[in-house]
């Protein structure tokens, strides 16, 4: 993983966010929406009901990703993939 991805990955992992590397990520990483604690971090279906969440993504994720010029996009309802601007 490149430095900006690794740094964001580490920060999110320390907060308890369900981050993981996937073989298809090409140096990026993903956030699971299927982990038992994922509802605290991202929710494809219910996230719009959470105050301050944008597209079902916890603002803490967005804040950390913004620090590294990264952004998240839903791959499917069970997975957020992180990309570089």
PDB file of N, CA and C in Angstrom:
ATOM      1  N   UNK A   1       0.832  -1.180   0.000  1.00  0.00           N
ATOM      2  CA  UNK A   1       0.000   0.000   0.000  1.00  0.00           C
ATOM      3  C   UNK A   1       0.880   1.247   0.000  1.00  0.00           C
ATOM      4  N   UNK A   2       0.443   2.264  -0.701  1.00  0.00           N
ATOM      5  CA  UNK A   2       1.159   3.535  -0.694  1.00  0.00           C
ATOM      6  C   UNK A   2       0.978   4.211   0.663  1.00  0.00           C
ATOM      7  N   UNK A   3       1.868   5.139   0.953  1.00  0.00           N
ATOM      8  CA  UNK A   3       1.919   5.773   2.267  1.00  0.00           C
ATOM      9  C   UNK A   3       0.582   6.379   2.698  1.00  0.00           C
ATOM     10  N   UNK A   4      -0.083   7.134   1.832  1.00  0.00           N
ATOM     11  CA  UNK A   4      -1.325   7.781   2.234  1.00  0.00           C
ATOM     12  C   UNK A   4      -2.422   6.756   2.549  1.00  0.00           C
ATOM     13  N   UNK A   5      -2.450   5.670   1.800  1.00  0.00           N
ATOM     14  CA  UNK A   5      -3.413   4.610   2.074  1.00  0.00           C
ATOM     15  C   UNK A   5      -3.079   3.926   3.404  1.00  0.00           C
ATOM     16  N   UNK A   6      -1.804   3.608   3.612  1.00  0.00           N
ATOM     17  CA  UNK A   6      -1.366   2.924   4.825  1.00  0.00           C
ATOM     18  C   UNK A   6      -1.648   3.781   6.058  1.00  0.00           C
ATOM     19  N   UNK A   7      -1.393   5.074   5.965  1.00  0.00           N
ATOM     20  CA  UNK A   7      -1.620   5.978   7.080  1.00  0.00           C
ATOM     21  C   UNK A   7      -3.101   6.043   7.447  1.00  0.00           C
ATOM     22  N   UNK A   8      -3.961   6.205   6.444  1.00  0.00           N
ATOM     23  CA  UNK A   8      -5.408   6.250   6.694  1.00  0.00           C
ATOM     24  C   UNK A   8      -5.897   4.906   7.224  1.00  0.00           C
ATOM     25  N   UNK A   9      -5.397   3.809   6.654  1.00  0.00           N
ATOM     26  CA  UNK A   9      -5.746   2.464   7.091  1.00  0.00           C
ATOM     27  C   UNK A   9      -5.428   2.296   8.582  1.00  0.00           C
ATOM     28  N   UNK A  10      -4.232   2.703   8.977  1.00  0.00           N
ATOM     29  CA  UNK A  10      -3.788   2.568  10.363  1.00  0.00           C
ATOM     30  C   UNK A  10      -4.645   3.406  11.303  1.00  0.00           C
ATOM     31  N   UNK A  11      -4.924   4.642  10.928  1.00  0.00           N
ATOM     32  CA  UNK A  11      -5.751   5.513  11.773  1.00  0.00           C
ATOM     33  C   UNK A  11      -7.155   4.940  11.957  1.00  0.00           C
ATOM     34  N   UNK A  12      -7.744   4.468  10.874  1.00  0.00           N
ATOM     35  CA  UNK A  12      -9.085   3.902  10.958  1.00  0.00           C
ATOM     36  C   UNK A  12      -9.091   2.607  11.780  1.00  0.00           C
ATOM     37  N   UNK A  13      -8.093   1.777  11.588  1.00  0.00           N
ATOM     38  CA  UNK A  13      -8.003   0.523  12.350  1.00  0.00           C
ATOM     39  C   UNK A  13      -7.884   0.792  13.846  1.00  0.00           C
ATOM     40  N   UNK A  14      -7.108   1.811  14.220  1.00  0.00           N
ATOM     41  CA  UNK A  14      -6.949   2.159  15.638  1.00  0.00           C
ATOM     42  C   UNK A  14      -8.268   2.602  16.265  1.00  0.00           C
ATOM     43  N   UNK A  15      -9.154   3.169  15.451  1.00  0.00           N
ATOM     44  CA  UNK A  15     -10.469   3.587  15.944  1.00  0.00           C
ATOM     45  C   UNK A  15     -11.464   2.431  16.006  1.00  0.00           C
ATOM     46  N   UNK A  16     -11.082   1.296  15.426  1.00  0.00           N
ATOM     47  CA  UNK A  16     -11.962   0.131  15.429  1.00  0.00           C
ATOM     48  C   UNK A  16     -12.759  -0.055  14.158  1.00  0.00           C
ATOM     49  N   UNK A  17     -12.471   0.748  13.157  1.00  0.00           N
ATOM     50  CA  UNK A  17     -13.148   0.632  11.866  1.00  0.00           C
ATOM     51  C   UNK A  17     -12.724  -0.684  11.195  1.00  0.00           C
ATOM     52  N   UNK A  18     -13.675  -1.429  10.631  1.00  0.00           N
ATOM     53  CA  UNK A  18     -13.349  -2.738  10.030  1.00  0.00           C
ATOM     54  C   UNK A  18     -12.682  -2.627   8.650  1.00  0.00           C
ATOM     55  N   UNK A  19     -11.424  -2.198   8.653  1.00  0.00           N
ATOM     56  CA  UNK A  19     -10.655  -2.046   7.411  1.00  0.00           C
ATOM     57  C   UNK A  19      -9.974  -3.363   7.061  1.00  0.00           C
ATOM     58  N   UNK A  20      -9.738  -3.571   5.775  1.00  0.00           N
ATOM     59  CA  UNK A  20      -9.013  -4.770   5.339  1.00  0.00           C
ATOM     60  C   UNK A  20      -8.425  -4.557   3.962  1.00  0.00           C
ATOM     61  N   UNK A  21      -7.375  -5.307   3.678  1.00  0.00           N
ATOM     62  CA  UNK A  21      -6.789  -5.312   2.344  1.00  0.00           C
ATOM     63  C   UNK A  21      -7.423  -6.462   1.575  1.00  0.00           C
ATOM     64  N   UNK A  22      -7.695  -6.226   0.318  1.00  0.00           N
ATOM     65  CA  UNK A  22      -8.320  -7.223  -0.547  1.00  0.00           C
ATOM     66  C   UNK A  22      -7.422  -7.408  -1.757  1.00  0.00           C
ATOM     67  N   UNK A  23      -7.322  -8.611  -2.249  1.00  0.00           N
ATOM     68  CA  UNK A  23      -6.416  -8.879  -3.370  1.00  0.00           C
ATOM     69  C   UNK A  23      -6.767  -8.096  -4.629  1.00  0.00           C
ATOM     70  N   UNK A  24      -8.008  -7.692  -4.768  1.00  0.00           N
ATOM     71  CA  UNK A  24      -8.428  -6.945  -5.957  1.00  0.00           C
ATOM     72  C   UNK A  24      -8.328  -5.432  -5.794  1.00  0.00           C
ATOM     73  N   UNK A  25      -7.779  -4.959  -4.699  1.00  0.00           N
ATOM     74  CA  UNK A  25      -7.775  -3.523  -4.417  1.00  0.00           C
ATOM     75  C   UNK A  25      -6.642  -2.740  -5.086  1.00  0.00           C
ATOM     76  N   UNK A  26      -5.691  -3.413  -5.694  1.00  0.00           N
ATOM     77  CA  UNK A  26      -4.597  -2.740  -6.410  1.00  0.00           C
ATOM     78  C   UNK A  26      -3.898  -1.680  -5.565  1.00  0.00           C
ATOM     79  N   UNK A  27      -3.528  -2.048  -4.344  1.00  0.00           N
ATOM     80  CA  UNK A  27      -2.819  -1.119  -3.472  1.00  0.00           C
ATOM     81  C   UNK A  27      -3.711  -0.254  -2.621  1.00  0.00           C
ATOM     82  N   UNK A  28      -5.007  -0.392  -2.773  1.00  0.00           N
ATOM     83  CA  UNK A  28      -5.952   0.368  -1.954  1.00  0.00           C
ATOM     84  C   UNK A  28      -6.377  -0.520  -0.783  1.00  0.00           C
ATOM     85  N   UNK A  29      -7.371  -0.069  -0.030  1.00  0.00           N
ATOM     86  CA  UNK A  29      -7.948  -0.907   1.008  1.00  0.00           C
ATOM     87  C   UNK A  29      -9.458  -0.710   1.016  1.00  0.00           C
ATOM     88  N   UNK A  30     -10.136  -1.547   1.773  1.00  0.00           N
ATOM     89  CA  UNK A  30     -11.593  -1.501   1.834  1.00  0.00           C
ATOM     90  C   UNK A  30     -12.058  -1.422   3.280  1.00  0.00           C
ATOM     91  N   UNK A  31     -13.325  -1.074   3.435  1.00  0.00           N
ATOM     92  CA  UNK A  31     -13.986  -1.067   4.735  1.00  0.00           C
ATOM     93  C   UNK A  31     -15.183  -1.993   4.621  1.00  0.00           C
ATOM     94  N   UNK A  32     -15.280  -2.916   5.558  1.00  0.00           N
ATOM     95  CA  UNK A  32     -16.370  -3.889   5.530  1.00  0.00           C
ATOM     96  C   UNK A  32     -17.656  -3.287   6.070  1.00  0.00           C
ATOM     97  N   UNK A  33     -18.745  -3.544   5.383  1.00  0.00           N
ATOM     98  CA  UNK A  33     -20.074  -3.177   5.867  1.00  0.00           C
ATOM     99  C   UNK A  33     -20.800  -4.430   6.343  1.00  0.00           C
ATOM    100  N   UNK A  34     -20.055  -5.534   6.461  1.00  0.00           N
ATOM    101  CA  UNK A  34     -20.646  -6.808   6.870  1.00  0.00           C
ATOM    102  C   UNK A  34     -20.112  -7.300   8.207  1.00  0.00           C
ATOM    103  N   UNK A  35     -19.176  -6.588   8.796  1.00  0.00           N
ATOM    104  CA  UNK A  35     -18.636  -6.932  10.098  1.00  0.00           C
ATOM    105  C   UNK A  35     -19.703  -6.664  11.166  1.00  0.00           C
ATOM    106  N   UNK A  36     -19.625  -7.345  12.299  1.00  0.00           N
ATOM    107  CA  UNK A  36     -20.648  -7.178  13.336  1.00  0.00           C
ATOM    108  C   UNK A  36     -20.706  -5.752  13.894  1.00  0.00           C
ATOM    109  N   UNK A  37     -19.622  -4.996  13.795  1.00  0.00           N
ATOM    110  CA  UNK A  37     -19.588  -3.612  14.279  1.00  0.00           C
ATOM    111  C   UNK A  37     -19.649  -2.585  13.141  1.00  0.00           C
ATOM    112  N   UNK A  38     -19.880  -3.034  11.931  1.00  0.00           N
ATOM    113  CA  UNK A  38     -19.863  -2.142  10.770  1.00  0.00           C
ATOM    114  C   UNK A  38     -20.915  -1.047  10.819  1.00  0.00           C
ATOM    115  N   UNK A  39     -22.030  -1.332  11.465  1.00  0.00           N
ATOM    116  CA  UNK A  39     -23.116  -0.351  11.518  1.00  0.00           C
ATOM    117  C   UNK A  39     -22.662   0.969  12.147  1.00  0.00           C
ATOM    118  N   UNK A  40     -21.586   0.939  12.925  1.00  0.00           N
ATOM    119  CA  UNK A  40     -21.038   2.154  13.531  1.00  0.00           C
ATOM    120  C   UNK A  40     -20.260   2.986  12.523  1.00  0.00           C
ATOM    121  N   UNK A  41     -19.874   2.370  11.403  1.00  0.00           N
ATOM    122  CA  UNK A  41     -18.968   2.999  10.452  1.00  0.00           C
ATOM    123  C   UNK A  41     -19.581   3.265   9.088  1.00  0.00           C
ATOM    124  N   UNK A  42     -20.392   2.334   8.628  1.00  0.00           N
ATOM    125  CA  UNK A  42     -20.993   2.522   7.305  1.00  0.00           C
ATOM    126  C   UNK A  42     -22.235   1.634   7.194  1.00  0.00           C
ATOM    127  N   UNK A  43     -23.206   2.134   6.467  1.00  0.00           N
ATOM    128  CA  UNK A  43     -24.430   1.365   6.281  1.00  0.00           C
ATOM    129  C   UNK A  43     -25.076   1.800   4.972  1.00  0.00           C
ATOM    130  N   UNK A  44     -25.020   0.948   4.013  1.00  0.00           N
ATOM    131  CA  UNK A  44     -25.535   1.241   2.673  1.00  0.00           C
ATOM    132  C   UNK A  44     -27.021   1.574   2.698  1.00  0.00           C
ATOM    133  N   UNK A  45     -27.776   0.869   3.521  1.00  0.00           N
ATOM    134  CA  UNK A  45     -29.228   1.015   3.527  1.00  0.00           C
ATOM    135  C   UNK A  45     -29.750   2.015   4.549  1.00  0.00           C
ATOM    136  N   UNK A  46     -29.140   2.088   5.711  1.00  0.00           N
ATOM    137  CA  UNK A  46     -29.668   2.921   6.783  1.00  0.00           C
ATOM    138  C   UNK A  46     -28.847   4.174   7.061  1.00  0.00           C
ATOM    139  N   UNK A  47     -27.707   4.314   6.449  1.00  0.00           N
ATOM    140  CA  UNK A  47     -26.811   5.422   6.737  1.00  0.00           C
ATOM    141  C   UNK A  47     -27.417   6.791   6.526  1.00  0.00           C
ATOM    142  N   UNK A  48     -28.354   6.892   5.603  1.00  0.00           N
ATOM    143  CA  UNK A  48     -28.969   8.193   5.335  1.00  0.00           C
ATOM    144  C   UNK A  48     -29.767   8.685   6.537  1.00  0.00           C
ATOM    145  N   UNK A  49     -30.115   7.791   7.438  1.00  0.00           N
ATOM    146  CA  UNK A  49     -30.874   8.157   8.633  1.00  0.00           C
ATOM    147  C   UNK A  49     -29.979   8.678   9.747  1.00  0.00           C
ATOM    148  N   UNK A  50     -28.682   8.481   9.616  1.00  0.00           N
ATOM    149  CA  UNK A  50     -27.743   8.883  10.657  1.00  0.00           C
ATOM    150  C   UNK A  50     -27.369  10.346  10.450  1.00  0.00           C
ATOM    151  N   UNK A  51     -27.466  11.124  11.489  1.00  0.00           N
ATOM    152  CA  UNK A  51     -27.177  12.549  11.426  1.00  0.00           C
ATOM    153  C   UNK A  51     -25.719  12.800  11.040  1.00  0.00           C
ATOM    154  N   UNK A  52     -25.509  13.564   9.990  1.00  0.00           N
ATOM    155  CA  UNK A  52     -24.173  13.929   9.553  1.00  0.00           C
ATOM    156  C   UNK A  52     -23.505  12.935   8.619  1.00  0.00           C
ATOM    157  N   UNK A  53     -24.123  11.763   8.410  1.00  0.00           N
ATOM    158  CA  UNK A  53     -23.543  10.765   7.520  1.00  0.00           C
ATOM    159  C   UNK A  53     -23.860  11.153   6.077  1.00  0.00           C
ATOM    160  N   UNK A  54     -22.907  10.945   5.197  1.00  0.00           N
ATOM    161  CA  UNK A  54     -23.091  11.226   3.776  1.00  0.00           C
ATOM    162  C   UNK A  54     -23.000   9.909   3.006  1.00  0.00           C
ATOM    163  N   UNK A  55     -24.051   9.550   2.311  1.00  0.00           N
ATOM    164  CA  UNK A  55     -24.109   8.303   1.540  1.00  0.00           C
ATOM    165  C   UNK A  55     -23.823   7.077   2.401  1.00  0.00           C
ATOM    166  N   UNK A  56     -24.269   7.109   3.658  1.00  0.00           N
ATOM    167  CA  UNK A  56     -24.110   5.961   4.540  1.00  0.00           C
ATOM    168  C   UNK A  56     -22.716   5.778   5.103  1.00  0.00           C
ATOM    169  N   UNK A  57     -21.913   6.846   5.122  1.00  0.00           N
ATOM    170  CA  UNK A  57     -20.531   6.766   5.606  1.00  0.00           C
ATOM    171  C   UNK A  57     -20.360   7.668   6.826  1.00  0.00           C
ATOM    172  N   UNK A  58     -19.851   7.086   7.902  1.00  0.00           N
ATOM    173  CA  UNK A  58     -19.600   7.834   9.127  1.00  0.00           C
ATOM    174  C   UNK A  58     -18.660   9.005   8.825  1.00  0.00           C
ATOM    175  N   UNK A  59     -18.969  10.215   9.325  1.00  0.00           N
ATOM    176  CA  UNK A  59     -18.106  11.366   9.047  1.00  0.00           C
ATOM    177  C   UNK A  59     -16.676  11.219   9.565  1.00  0.00           C
ATOM    178  N   UNK A  60     -16.438  10.343  10.549  1.00  0.00           N
ATOM    179  CA  UNK A  60     -15.067  10.107  11.016  1.00  0.00           C
ATOM    180  C   UNK A  60     -14.221   9.490   9.901  1.00  0.00           C
ATOM    181  N   UNK A  61     -14.840   8.611   9.115  1.00  0.00           N
ATOM    182  CA  UNK A  61     -14.126   8.014   7.976  1.00  0.00           C
ATOM    183  C   UNK A  61     -13.762   9.093   6.978  1.00  0.00           C
ATOM    184  N   UNK A  62     -14.739   9.909   6.630  1.00  0.00           N
ATOM    185  CA  UNK A  62     -14.525  10.975   5.645  1.00  0.00           C
ATOM    186  C   UNK A  62     -13.451  11.948   6.112  1.00  0.00           C
ATOM    187  N   UNK A  63     -13.466  12.276   7.385  1.00  0.00           N
ATOM    188  CA  UNK A  63     -12.476  13.208   7.943  1.00  0.00           C
ATOM    189  C   UNK A  63     -11.056  12.660   7.794  1.00  0.00           C
ATOM    190  N   UNK A  64     -10.857  11.416   8.133  1.00  0.00           N
ATOM    191  CA  UNK A  64      -9.526  10.805   8.015  1.00  0.00           C
ATOM    192  C   UNK A  64      -9.117  10.675   6.552  1.00  0.00           C
ATOM    193  N   UNK A  65     -10.028  10.253   5.695  1.00  0.00           N
ATOM    194  CA  UNK A  65      -9.701  10.120   4.280  1.00  0.00           C
ATOM    195  C   UNK A  65      -9.350  11.470   3.659  1.00  0.00           C
ATOM    196  N   UNK A  66     -10.084  12.510   4.035  1.00  0.00           N
ATOM    197  CA  UNK A  66      -9.811  13.858   3.513  1.00  0.00           C
ATOM    198  C   UNK A  66      -8.396  14.324   3.855  1.00  0.00           C
ATOM    199  N   UNK A  67      -7.901  13.945   5.019  1.00  0.00           N
ATOM    200  CA  UNK A  67      -6.539  14.330   5.432  1.00  0.00           C
ATOM    201  C   UNK A  67      -5.481  13.770   4.488  1.00  0.00           C
ATOM    202  N   UNK A  68      -5.826  12.713   3.768  1.00  0.00           N
ATOM    203  CA  UNK A  68      -4.870  12.035   2.884  1.00  0.00           C
ATOM    204  C   UNK A  68      -5.288  12.101   1.417  1.00  0.00           C
ATOM    205  N   UNK A  69      -6.211  12.997   1.085  1.00  0.00           N
ATOM    206  CA  UNK A  69      -6.734  13.147  -0.284  1.00  0.00           C
ATOM    207  C   UNK A  69      -7.286  11.828  -0.818  1.00  0.00           C
ATOM    208  N   UNK A  70      -7.984  11.105   0.047  1.00  0.00           N
ATOM    209  CA  UNK A  70      -8.625   9.842  -0.327  1.00  0.00           C
ATOM    210  C   UNK A  70     -10.126   9.992  -0.222  1.00  0.00           C
ATOM    211  N   UNK A  71     -10.860   9.083  -0.859  1.00  0.00           N
ATOM    212  CA  UNK A  71     -12.319   9.082  -0.769  1.00  0.00           C
ATOM    213  C   UNK A  71     -12.839   7.655  -0.860  1.00  0.00           C
ATOM    214  N   UNK A  72     -14.059   7.461  -0.360  1.00  0.00           N
ATOM    215  CA  UNK A  72     -14.667   6.134  -0.334  1.00  0.00           C
ATOM    216  C   UNK A  72     -15.824   6.063  -1.322  1.00  0.00           C
ATOM    217  N   UNK A  73     -15.966   4.896  -1.928  1.00  0.00           N
ATOM    218  CA  UNK A  73     -17.088   4.648  -2.831  1.00  0.00           C
ATOM    219  C   UNK A  73     -17.591   3.224  -2.575  1.00  0.00           C
ATOM    220  N   UNK A  74     -18.906   3.077  -2.610  1.00  0.00           N
ATOM    221  CA  UNK A  74     -19.494   1.757  -2.409  1.00  0.00           C
ATOM    222  C   UNK A  74     -19.177   0.856  -3.595  1.00  0.00           C
ATOM    223  N   UNK A  75     -18.541  -0.276  -3.326  1.00  0.00           N
ATOM    224  CA  UNK A  75     -18.317  -1.320  -4.331  1.00  0.00           C
ATOM    225  C   UNK A  75     -19.603  -2.132  -4.484  1.00  0.00           C
ATOM    226  N   UNK A  76     -20.209  -2.405  -3.342  1.00  0.00           N
ATOM    227  CA  UNK A  76     -21.494  -3.087  -3.236  1.00  0.00           C
ATOM    228  C   UNK A  76     -21.992  -2.813  -1.818  1.00  0.00           C
ATOM    229  N   UNK A  77     -23.189  -3.245  -1.441  1.00  0.00           N
ATOM    230  CA  UNK A  77     -23.688  -2.923  -0.093  1.00  0.00           C
ATOM    231  C   UNK A  77     -22.849  -3.476   1.060  1.00  0.00           C
ATOM    232  N   UNK A  78     -21.917  -4.352   0.790  1.00  0.00           N
ATOM    233  CA  UNK A  78     -21.092  -4.916   1.850  1.00  0.00           C
ATOM    234  C   UNK A  78     -19.678  -4.394   1.908  1.00  0.00           C
ATOM    235  N   UNK A  79     -19.327  -3.461   1.007  1.00  0.00           N
ATOM    236  CA  UNK A  79     -17.917  -3.063   0.906  1.00  0.00           C
ATOM    237  C   UNK A  79     -17.738  -1.649   0.387  1.00  0.00           C
ATOM    238  N   UNK A  80     -16.963  -0.861   1.139  1.00  0.00           N
ATOM    239  CA  UNK A  80     -16.518   0.465   0.703  1.00  0.00           C
ATOM    240  C   UNK A  80     -15.073   0.331   0.222  1.00  0.00           C
ATOM    241  N   UNK A  81     -14.769   0.849  -0.937  1.00  0.00           N
ATOM    242  CA  UNK A  81     -13.390   0.832  -1.442  1.00  0.00           C
ATOM    243  C   UNK A  81     -12.845   2.257  -1.354  1.00  0.00           C
ATOM    244  N   UNK A  82     -11.594   2.369  -0.967  1.00  0.00           N
ATOM    245  CA  UNK A  82     -10.954   3.674  -0.785  1.00  0.00           C
ATOM    246  C   UNK A  82     -10.098   3.986  -2.017  1.00  0.00           C
ATOM    247  N   UNK A  83     -10.246   5.218  -2.526  1.00  0.00           N
ATOM    248  CA  UNK A  83      -9.545   5.653  -3.731  1.00  0.00           C
ATOM    249  C   UNK A  83      -8.761   6.933  -3.463  1.00  0.00           C
ATOM    250  N   UNK A  84      -7.820   7.221  -4.322  1.00  0.00           N
ATOM    251  CA  UNK A  84      -7.017   8.454  -4.275  1.00  0.00           C
ATOM    252  C   UNK A  84      -7.631   9.467  -5.224  1.00  0.00           C
ATOM    253  N   UNK A  85      -7.668  10.757  -4.792  1.00  0.00           N
ATOM    254  CA  UNK A  85      -8.176  11.835  -5.658  1.00  0.00           C
ATOM    255  C   UNK A  85      -7.353  11.958  -6.908  1.00  0.00           C
TER     256      UNK A  85
END
